[in-house]
Amino acid sequence: MREQVGATRPILPLVFVTTLTSIMGNSLLAPLIPDILETFDRPDGSAGLLVAAASLPGIAMAPIIGLLADRFGRRPVLTPCLFVFGLAGVFVATAPTFEIMLIARFCLGLGAAGLVNLAIVLISDHFDGDERTRWIGANSGVLTVALAAFPVVSGAIASAFGWRWALAPLSLGVFSALFAWRTLPPGRPEVQVSLRDQLAGARIAFTDRTILTSVIAAAVSFAVIFGVFLAALPTHLDDEFGLDAWGRGIVFGLPAITSSIAAFNLGRIRRRVGASTVAIVSAAAWTGSFLLLGLAGSLVVLCVGALAYGIAEGALLPTLQDAAMSRAPADQRAAVMAGWTAMARAGQTTGPLVAGALLAGPGSGAALLSGAVGAAALVALFALRPFSDGATPTPTTDETTKKAAP
C-alpha cells in the first residue's frame, strides 16, 4: 500500500460512489427501454441509438480526461465529470422528445467518460500488488451488486410512477461531485511533465503486450455487454416472454448475484491462478451463457444463462483492469486507463448499433447469439496473447527520458 491507512480510507468511499454514479446511466435505463420507445413511438431498432448515445463521447473524451488527470490532478478533473453527469441526468429524465433524450444522453456520456477509469486510477494511486487486485475486485463487486439493485429499483419505480421518475436518480451525480471536491486533495502531481512527454510515455506504455491485449479485450467485452446484454435483452424479454419493466429489471439483476461473488473473491482466485487463465475461463463461460440466452425456450433456462453471464463478467472485467494497471507506469496510470476506457467506449458505442441492426432484421435471438461470437473471439485472443504475470512494469516517463538521454 502506497500511503498510510488513514490517508487511503476516505478514498475508498469516493471510489465506490464514482463507480456507482458511472453505471447509473445504463443500469437504470435498461429495463425501461421498451417503455421509452413506446412513449416516443420508436421502433425496436432505436434501442441501439439510445444506449450508444451515452457511449459515443467517451471514445474521444476518455483519453483527454486521462491526460488532464495526470497533468492537473484528480480533483479538478473528476469533480466536473460528476457534475456534468448529474446535470445531464435531469434533462434525460425530463426530455420531451426522443431526439432531445439522445442529446441529453450524449451530454451524460461526456460526464461519464472519465468516471470508471478515474475510479480505478484512484485505487492504483493508493494500493499496490495484491492490495490493488483486492480493491479493484471489491470495486467490481460493489458495481455488480448495484447492477442487481438498480434495474430492479428502476423497474419497480417505472411500474408505479412511470419511467421518467425511474431516471430521476441520475441527478445524484451533482452531489457526488461535491463529495469528490471535499475528499480529494487540491494539489497537482509532484512530477510535472510536458504534454509531449505525456503522449510519448502513453505511447510507450501501449506497446506493452499485456496492456494492449487488455485494451483490445475491453473493446470486444463492452461491445458484447452494451450491444447484446443491455440493448438486445430488454427487447427479447418483452417480445418473447412478455415481461414488464419490473420483470425485466429482476432478470437484469440476476447476473449481479454471481458476478459479485466472483468479483469479491478475485483476489483469492488470482493468488492461485494467473490472469490469463482467469481470462480464458471467463470468456469461455461467457460464450456458453450467450448461447443459453439466445436459444432459451423457457424463462428458467434464460435465467440460468443470465447467472452464468454474471460469473464471467465478474471475473473478466476486473482482471482486464488489473492487468493493465499492473503494467502502467506511475505517471501514466490515468492516461493508460483512459485509453483502456476509450476503447471500451468504442465497443460500447458500436455494439448497440450492431445489435440495433440485428433487432431490426433477424431479431433479438440472433442479436443475443452474436454475443457468443464475440466471447469466443476473446477466448482466442487470450490464448494467443497471454498476460504477463508478475513481470516488471513499464518504466515511468521520467525513467524512459533518462534512458533515452545521451
Protein backbone atom coordinates (compact mmCIF):
# COMPACT_ATOMS: atom_id res chain seq x y z
CA MET A 1 0.00 0.00 0.00
CA ARG A 2 1.44 3.39 -1.02
CA GLU A 3 0.03 5.62 1.71
CA GLN A 4 -0.93 5.28 5.34
CA VAL A 5 -4.29 3.67 6.06
CA GLY A 6 -5.63 6.90 7.48
CA ALA A 7 -4.92 8.60 4.15
CA THR A 8 -6.40 5.87 1.97
CA ARG A 9 -9.55 5.06 3.92
CA PRO A 10 -11.52 8.15 2.73
CA ILE A 11 -10.59 7.34 -0.87
CA LEU A 12 -12.49 4.06 -0.99
CA PRO A 13 -15.97 5.57 -0.39
CA LEU A 14 -15.26 8.07 -3.17
CA VAL A 15 -14.10 5.26 -5.46
CA PHE A 16 -17.33 3.37 -4.84
CA VAL A 17 -19.51 6.48 -5.23
CA THR A 18 -17.78 7.30 -8.53
CA THR A 19 -18.26 3.76 -9.80
CA LEU A 20 -21.92 3.66 -8.78
CA THR A 21 -22.57 7.00 -10.46
CA SER A 22 -20.90 5.82 -13.67
CA ILE A 23 -23.19 2.81 -14.12
CA MET A 24 -26.47 4.60 -13.41
CA GLY A 25 -26.73 5.87 -16.97
CA ASN A 26 -27.35 2.41 -18.43
CA SER A 27 -28.36 0.19 -15.49
CA LEU A 28 -31.32 2.41 -14.63
CA LEU A 29 -32.20 2.71 -18.32
CA ALA A 30 -32.02 -0.94 -19.44
CA PRO A 31 -35.38 -2.26 -18.17
CA LEU A 32 -37.10 0.95 -19.31
CA ILE A 33 -36.07 0.83 -22.99
CA PRO A 34 -39.27 -0.76 -24.38
CA ASP A 35 -41.41 1.74 -22.42
CA ILE A 36 -39.35 4.71 -23.62
CA LEU A 37 -39.54 3.56 -27.25
CA GLU A 38 -43.28 3.12 -26.90
CA THR A 39 -43.67 6.62 -25.40
CA PHE A 40 -41.85 8.21 -28.33
CA ASP A 41 -43.30 5.78 -30.90
CA ARG A 42 -39.89 4.48 -31.98
CA PRO A 43 -39.11 1.01 -33.46
CA ASP A 44 -37.10 -1.67 -31.60
CA GLY A 45 -34.00 -0.82 -33.64
CA SER A 46 -33.81 2.57 -31.90
CA ALA A 47 -32.75 0.82 -28.69
CA GLY A 48 -29.19 0.75 -30.04
CA LEU A 49 -29.19 4.52 -30.59
CA LEU A 50 -30.46 5.12 -27.09
CA VAL A 51 -27.68 3.09 -25.48
CA ALA A 52 -24.92 4.23 -27.85
CA ALA A 53 -25.65 7.95 -27.41
CA ALA A 54 -24.11 7.94 -23.93
CA SER A 55 -21.11 5.86 -25.03
CA LEU A 56 -20.04 7.80 -28.11
CA PRO A 57 -18.42 10.83 -26.40
CA GLY A 58 -16.23 8.59 -24.27
CA ILE A 59 -14.24 7.45 -27.30
CA ALA A 60 -12.64 10.88 -27.65
CA MET A 61 -13.09 12.26 -24.13
CA ALA A 62 -11.68 9.37 -22.08
CA PRO A 63 -8.05 9.83 -23.32
CA ILE A 64 -8.31 13.61 -22.85
CA ILE A 65 -9.63 13.20 -19.32
CA GLY A 66 -6.82 10.77 -18.52
CA LEU A 67 -4.14 13.16 -19.73
CA LEU A 68 -5.71 16.04 -17.79
CA ALA A 69 -5.91 13.96 -14.60
CA ASP A 70 -2.22 13.02 -14.86
CA ARG A 71 -1.28 16.63 -15.55
CA PHE A 72 -3.53 18.68 -13.24
CA GLY A 73 -4.55 16.19 -10.56
CA ARG A 74 -7.59 14.08 -9.83
CA ARG A 75 -9.87 16.61 -8.09
CA PRO A 76 -10.12 19.29 -10.81
CA VAL A 77 -10.97 16.60 -13.38
CA LEU A 78 -13.21 14.16 -11.51
CA THR A 79 -15.42 16.84 -9.93
CA PRO A 80 -16.67 18.44 -13.19
CA CYS A 81 -17.20 14.99 -14.72
CA LEU A 82 -19.58 14.07 -11.91
CA PHE A 83 -21.35 17.46 -12.05
CA VAL A 84 -21.94 17.26 -15.82
CA PHE A 85 -23.27 13.72 -15.41
CA GLY A 86 -25.78 14.80 -12.76
CA LEU A 87 -26.95 17.89 -14.62
CA ALA A 88 -27.41 15.98 -17.88
CA GLY A 89 -29.32 13.31 -15.97
CA VAL A 90 -32.02 15.85 -15.17
CA PHE A 91 -32.54 16.51 -18.89
CA VAL A 92 -32.56 12.78 -19.71
CA ALA A 93 -35.40 12.19 -17.25
CA THR A 94 -37.43 15.17 -18.48
CA ALA A 95 -36.76 15.00 -22.25
CA PRO A 96 -39.95 15.86 -24.20
CA THR A 97 -38.84 14.12 -27.42
CA PHE A 98 -36.67 11.16 -28.38
CA GLU A 99 -34.20 13.46 -30.15
CA ILE A 100 -33.73 15.64 -27.07
CA MET A 101 -33.26 12.50 -24.97
CA LEU A 102 -30.47 11.39 -27.33
CA ILE A 103 -28.77 14.78 -26.94
CA ALA A 104 -29.14 14.64 -23.17
CA ARG A 105 -27.74 11.08 -23.15
CA PHE A 106 -24.78 12.32 -25.20
CA CYS A 107 -24.10 15.02 -22.59
CA LEU A 108 -24.47 12.40 -19.86
CA GLY A 109 -21.79 10.42 -21.67
CA LEU A 110 -19.46 13.42 -21.63
CA GLY A 111 -19.58 13.37 -17.85
CA ALA A 112 -19.40 9.59 -17.59
CA ALA A 113 -16.36 9.34 -19.90
CA GLY A 114 -13.87 9.74 -17.05
CA LEU A 115 -15.65 8.05 -14.15
CA VAL A 116 -14.83 4.35 -14.50
CA ASN A 117 -11.17 4.91 -15.35
CA LEU A 118 -10.61 7.53 -12.63
CA ALA A 119 -12.13 5.22 -10.00
CA ILE A 120 -9.58 2.54 -10.94
CA VAL A 121 -6.79 5.14 -11.05
CA LEU A 122 -7.65 6.29 -7.51
CA ILE A 123 -7.27 2.70 -6.31
CA SER A 124 -3.93 2.37 -8.14
CA ASP A 125 -2.76 5.68 -6.64
CA HIS A 126 -3.10 4.24 -3.14
CA PHE A 127 -2.56 0.48 -3.41
CA ASP A 128 -0.02 -1.90 -4.96
CA GLY A 129 0.17 -5.60 -5.77
CA ASP A 130 -2.30 -7.91 -4.03
CA GLU A 131 -3.97 -4.95 -2.29
CA ARG A 132 -4.63 -3.29 -5.63
CA THR A 133 -6.07 -6.53 -7.04
CA ARG A 134 -8.21 -6.91 -3.92
CA TRP A 135 -9.73 -3.42 -4.11
CA ILE A 136 -10.21 -3.49 -7.88
CA GLY A 137 -12.10 -6.74 -7.33
CA ALA A 138 -14.07 -5.21 -4.45
CA ASN A 139 -14.90 -2.19 -6.59
CA SER A 140 -16.17 -4.50 -9.30
CA GLY A 141 -18.17 -6.35 -6.65
CA VAL A 142 -19.80 -3.11 -5.49
CA LEU A 143 -20.55 -2.33 -9.13
CA THR A 144 -22.19 -5.69 -9.75
CA VAL A 145 -24.28 -5.53 -6.58
CA ALA A 146 -25.55 -2.17 -7.81
CA LEU A 147 -26.17 -3.66 -11.24
CA ALA A 148 -28.50 -6.08 -9.49
CA ALA A 149 -30.27 -3.40 -7.49
CA PHE A 150 -30.54 -0.51 -9.98
CA PRO A 151 -32.60 -2.31 -12.68
CA VAL A 152 -34.96 -3.76 -10.07
CA VAL A 153 -35.42 -0.38 -8.42
CA SER A 154 -35.90 1.47 -11.71
CA GLY A 155 -38.30 -1.20 -12.96
CA ALA A 156 -40.34 -1.00 -9.75
CA ILE A 157 -40.44 2.81 -9.85
CA ALA A 158 -41.43 2.74 -13.52
CA SER A 159 -44.25 0.29 -12.84
CA ALA A 160 -45.59 2.50 -10.05
CA PHE A 161 -44.88 6.05 -11.27
CA GLY A 162 -43.59 5.88 -14.85
CA TRP A 163 -40.18 5.63 -16.46
CA ARG A 164 -39.30 9.32 -16.01
CA TRP A 165 -39.27 9.01 -12.22
CA ALA A 166 -37.14 5.87 -12.57
CA LEU A 167 -34.42 8.00 -14.21
CA ALA A 168 -34.52 10.72 -11.53
CA PRO A 169 -31.56 9.23 -9.54
CA LEU A 170 -29.25 10.29 -12.40
CA SER A 171 -29.30 13.78 -10.87
CA LEU A 172 -27.41 12.46 -7.82
CA GLY A 173 -24.20 12.97 -9.79
CA VAL A 174 -24.29 16.60 -8.65
CA PHE A 175 -23.97 15.50 -5.01
CA SER A 176 -21.23 13.05 -5.95
CA ALA A 177 -19.31 15.99 -7.41
CA LEU A 178 -19.49 17.82 -4.08
CA PHE A 179 -18.25 14.70 -2.28
CA ALA A 180 -15.29 14.41 -4.68
CA TRP A 181 -14.37 18.07 -4.19
CA ARG A 182 -14.36 17.68 -0.40
CA THR A 183 -12.46 14.36 -0.41
CA LEU A 184 -9.63 14.78 -2.91
CA PRO A 185 -6.59 17.00 -2.29
CA PRO A 186 -6.31 20.11 -4.48
CA GLY A 187 -2.65 19.72 -5.44
CA ARG A 188 -1.13 18.73 -8.76
CA PRO A 189 1.09 15.65 -9.21
CA GLU A 190 4.57 16.15 -7.77
CA VAL A 191 6.28 15.28 -11.06
CA GLN A 192 5.31 17.65 -13.88
CA VAL A 193 5.95 16.57 -17.45
CA SER A 194 5.17 18.23 -20.73
CA LEU A 195 2.23 17.20 -22.87
CA ARG A 196 4.67 15.86 -25.43
CA ASP A 197 6.31 13.64 -22.80
CA GLN A 198 2.89 12.52 -21.58
CA LEU A 199 1.88 11.42 -25.07
CA ALA A 200 5.25 9.74 -25.64
CA GLY A 201 5.00 7.88 -22.33
CA ALA A 202 1.45 6.75 -23.06
CA ARG A 203 2.52 5.54 -26.50
CA ILE A 204 5.38 3.52 -24.95
CA ALA A 205 3.00 2.05 -22.36
CA PHE A 206 0.63 0.84 -25.06
CA THR A 207 3.40 -1.12 -26.75
CA ASP A 208 3.34 -3.43 -23.72
CA ARG A 209 1.75 -6.75 -24.72
CA THR A 210 -0.37 -7.09 -21.60
CA ILE A 211 -1.76 -3.55 -21.79
CA LEU A 212 -2.52 -3.88 -25.50
CA THR A 213 -4.26 -7.24 -25.02
CA SER A 214 -6.31 -5.80 -22.17
CA VAL A 215 -7.32 -2.79 -24.28
CA ILE A 216 -8.42 -4.91 -27.25
CA ALA A 217 -10.36 -7.20 -24.93
CA ALA A 218 -12.05 -4.19 -23.32
CA ALA A 219 -13.39 -3.07 -26.70
CA VAL A 220 -14.84 -6.50 -27.51
CA SER A 221 -16.18 -7.03 -23.96
CA PHE A 222 -18.06 -3.75 -23.81
CA ALA A 223 -19.46 -4.27 -27.31
CA VAL A 224 -20.88 -7.54 -26.03
CA ILE A 225 -22.15 -6.12 -22.73
CA PHE A 226 -23.80 -2.99 -24.08
CA GLY A 227 -24.77 -4.26 -27.51
CA VAL A 228 -26.03 -7.70 -26.63
CA PHE A 229 -26.96 -7.75 -22.97
CA LEU A 230 -28.15 -4.18 -22.34
CA ALA A 231 -29.59 -3.29 -25.77
CA ALA A 232 -30.93 -6.60 -27.10
CA LEU A 233 -32.02 -8.47 -23.97
CA PRO A 234 -34.75 -5.98 -22.88
CA THR A 235 -36.47 -6.31 -26.26
CA HIS A 236 -36.05 -10.10 -26.15
CA LEU A 237 -37.67 -10.28 -22.70
CA ASP A 238 -40.53 -8.09 -23.89
CA ASP A 239 -41.14 -9.81 -27.24
CA GLU A 240 -40.52 -13.46 -26.30
CA PHE A 241 -41.67 -13.60 -22.67
CA GLY A 242 -43.94 -10.56 -22.28
CA LEU A 243 -42.18 -9.23 -19.16
CA ASP A 244 -42.99 -5.72 -17.92
CA ALA A 245 -40.38 -3.23 -16.65
CA TRP A 246 -40.27 -4.75 -13.17
CA GLY A 247 -39.89 -8.29 -14.52
CA ARG A 248 -37.16 -7.19 -16.89
CA GLY A 249 -35.39 -5.45 -14.02
CA ILE A 250 -35.38 -8.65 -11.96
CA VAL A 251 -33.84 -10.63 -14.83
CA PHE A 252 -31.21 -7.93 -15.29
CA GLY A 253 -30.39 -8.14 -11.62
CA LEU A 254 -29.70 -11.89 -11.65
CA PRO A 255 -26.18 -11.72 -13.18
CA ALA A 256 -25.06 -9.36 -10.43
CA ILE A 257 -25.59 -12.09 -7.82
CA THR A 258 -22.99 -14.39 -9.36
CA SER A 259 -20.87 -11.53 -10.68
CA SER A 260 -20.43 -10.02 -7.22
CA ILE A 261 -19.39 -13.40 -5.79
CA ALA A 262 -16.73 -13.73 -8.49
CA ALA A 263 -15.52 -10.13 -8.13
CA PHE A 264 -15.28 -10.13 -4.32
CA ASN A 265 -13.24 -13.35 -4.47
CA LEU A 266 -11.00 -12.26 -7.34
CA GLY A 267 -8.01 -11.57 -5.06
CA ARG A 268 -8.21 -15.10 -3.63
CA ILE A 269 -8.60 -16.59 -7.11
CA ARG A 270 -5.67 -14.61 -8.52
CA ARG A 271 -3.33 -15.81 -5.77
CA ARG A 272 -3.84 -19.34 -7.10
CA VAL A 273 -4.43 -18.81 -10.82
CA GLY A 274 -2.79 -16.41 -13.27
CA ALA A 275 -4.61 -13.60 -15.06
CA SER A 276 -4.50 -15.38 -18.43
CA THR A 277 -6.19 -18.48 -17.04
CA VAL A 278 -8.91 -16.40 -15.37
CA ALA A 279 -9.48 -14.50 -18.63
CA ILE A 280 -9.72 -17.63 -20.81
CA VAL A 281 -12.08 -19.47 -18.46
CA SER A 282 -14.26 -16.36 -18.05
CA ALA A 283 -14.52 -15.79 -21.81
CA ALA A 284 -15.39 -19.46 -22.35
CA ALA A 285 -18.13 -19.23 -19.70
CA TRP A 286 -19.38 -16.06 -21.38
CA THR A 287 -19.65 -17.91 -24.70
CA GLY A 288 -21.83 -20.59 -23.13
CA SER A 289 -24.01 -18.04 -21.34
CA PHE A 290 -24.89 -16.21 -24.56
CA LEU A 291 -25.78 -19.48 -26.24
CA LEU A 292 -28.21 -20.15 -23.40
CA LEU A 293 -29.64 -16.64 -23.57
CA GLY A 294 -30.18 -16.77 -27.31
CA LEU A 295 -31.52 -20.31 -27.57
CA ALA A 296 -33.56 -20.47 -24.35
CA GLY A 297 -37.10 -21.68 -24.93
CA SER A 298 -38.15 -21.01 -21.35
CA LEU A 299 -37.59 -18.21 -18.88
CA VAL A 300 -35.93 -20.62 -16.42
CA VAL A 301 -33.21 -21.57 -18.93
CA LEU A 302 -32.70 -17.92 -19.81
CA CYS A 303 -32.23 -17.10 -16.11
CA VAL A 304 -29.59 -19.86 -15.86
CA GLY A 305 -27.80 -18.21 -18.79
CA ALA A 306 -28.03 -14.83 -17.03
CA LEU A 307 -26.43 -16.28 -13.88
CA ALA A 308 -23.60 -17.82 -15.95
CA TYR A 309 -23.14 -14.47 -17.68
CA GLY A 310 -22.64 -12.83 -14.29
CA ILE A 311 -19.86 -15.20 -13.21
CA ALA A 312 -17.90 -14.49 -16.38
CA GLU A 313 -18.34 -10.72 -16.25
CA GLY A 314 -17.46 -10.51 -12.55
CA ALA A 315 -14.14 -12.28 -13.08
CA LEU A 316 -13.20 -10.92 -16.51
CA LEU A 317 -13.58 -7.13 -16.28
CA PRO A 318 -11.57 -6.53 -13.07
CA THR A 319 -8.92 -8.93 -14.37
CA LEU A 320 -8.55 -6.82 -17.51
CA GLN A 321 -8.36 -3.60 -15.46
CA ASP A 322 -5.83 -5.03 -13.01
CA ALA A 323 -3.68 -6.44 -15.81
CA ALA A 324 -3.44 -3.00 -17.44
CA MET A 325 -2.75 -1.18 -14.15
CA SER A 326 -0.10 -3.68 -13.09
CA ARG A 327 1.94 -2.72 -16.17
CA ALA A 328 1.19 1.01 -16.33
CA PRO A 329 3.99 3.42 -15.30
CA ALA A 330 3.20 5.51 -12.22
CA ASP A 331 2.90 8.83 -14.06
CA GLN A 332 0.80 7.34 -16.88
CA ARG A 333 -1.87 5.47 -14.91
CA ALA A 334 -4.72 7.81 -15.80
CA ALA A 335 -3.59 8.02 -19.44
CA VAL A 336 -3.35 4.22 -19.78
CA MET A 337 -6.67 3.65 -18.03
CA ALA A 338 -8.22 6.40 -20.15
CA GLY A 339 -7.01 4.69 -23.32
CA TRP A 340 -8.47 1.46 -21.97
CA THR A 341 -11.76 3.23 -21.32
CA ALA A 342 -11.75 4.90 -24.74
CA MET A 343 -11.54 1.50 -26.42
CA ALA A 344 -14.22 0.21 -24.09
CA ARG A 345 -16.41 3.16 -25.10
CA ALA A 346 -15.73 2.38 -28.77
CA GLY A 347 -17.08 -1.11 -28.20
CA GLN A 348 -19.86 0.29 -26.04
CA THR A 349 -20.90 2.51 -28.96
CA THR A 350 -20.59 0.09 -31.87
CA GLY A 351 -22.09 -2.87 -30.03
CA PRO A 352 -25.56 -1.34 -29.56
CA LEU A 353 -25.61 -0.13 -33.17
CA VAL A 354 -24.87 -3.65 -34.42
CA ALA A 355 -27.44 -5.03 -32.01
CA GLY A 356 -29.98 -2.49 -33.27
CA ALA A 357 -29.42 -3.67 -36.84
CA LEU A 358 -29.89 -7.29 -35.76
CA LEU A 359 -33.03 -6.39 -33.81
CA ALA A 360 -34.45 -4.70 -36.90
CA GLY A 361 -33.50 -7.71 -39.06
CA PRO A 362 -33.12 -11.31 -37.80
CA GLY A 363 -34.46 -10.41 -34.36
CA SER A 364 -33.45 -10.44 -30.70
CA GLY A 365 -32.43 -14.10 -30.65
CA ALA A 366 -29.81 -13.52 -33.34
CA ALA A 367 -28.58 -10.42 -31.50
CA LEU A 368 -28.05 -12.47 -28.32
CA LEU A 369 -26.23 -15.22 -30.20
CA SER A 370 -23.83 -12.63 -31.63
CA GLY A 371 -22.56 -12.26 -28.07
CA ALA A 372 -21.32 -15.85 -28.19
CA VAL A 373 -19.28 -14.98 -31.29
CA GLY A 374 -17.67 -12.02 -29.53
CA ALA A 375 -16.93 -14.05 -26.39
CA ALA A 376 -15.37 -16.85 -28.45
CA ALA A 377 -13.12 -14.26 -30.11
CA LEU A 378 -11.92 -13.28 -26.62
CA VAL A 379 -11.00 -16.90 -25.85
CA ALA A 380 -8.80 -16.94 -28.96
CA LEU A 381 -7.25 -13.55 -28.08
CA PHE A 382 -6.26 -14.62 -24.55
CA ALA A 383 -4.88 -17.93 -25.80
CA LEU A 384 -2.72 -16.26 -28.48
CA ARG A 385 -1.66 -13.21 -26.39
CA PRO A 386 -1.42 -14.29 -22.72
CA PHE A 387 -0.91 -11.71 -19.99
CA SER A 388 2.50 -11.22 -18.36
CA ASP A 389 2.02 -12.23 -14.72
CA GLY A 390 4.45 -10.72 -12.23
CA ALA A 391 6.67 -9.04 -14.84
CA THR A 392 8.37 -5.71 -14.24
CA PRO A 393 6.03 -2.81 -15.06
CA THR A 394 6.66 -0.44 -17.93
CA PRO A 395 9.08 2.34 -16.82
CA THR A 396 7.79 5.81 -15.95
CA THR A 397 8.04 8.66 -18.45
CA ASP A 398 10.89 10.15 -16.40
CA GLU A 399 12.79 6.85 -16.44
CA THR A 400 12.23 6.49 -20.18
CA THR A 401 13.52 10.01 -20.78
CA LYS A 402 16.65 9.33 -18.75
CA LYS A 403 17.37 6.12 -20.64
CA ALA A 404 16.99 7.94 -23.94
CA ALA A 405 19.36 10.73 -22.89
CA PRO A 406 22.94 10.52 -24.27
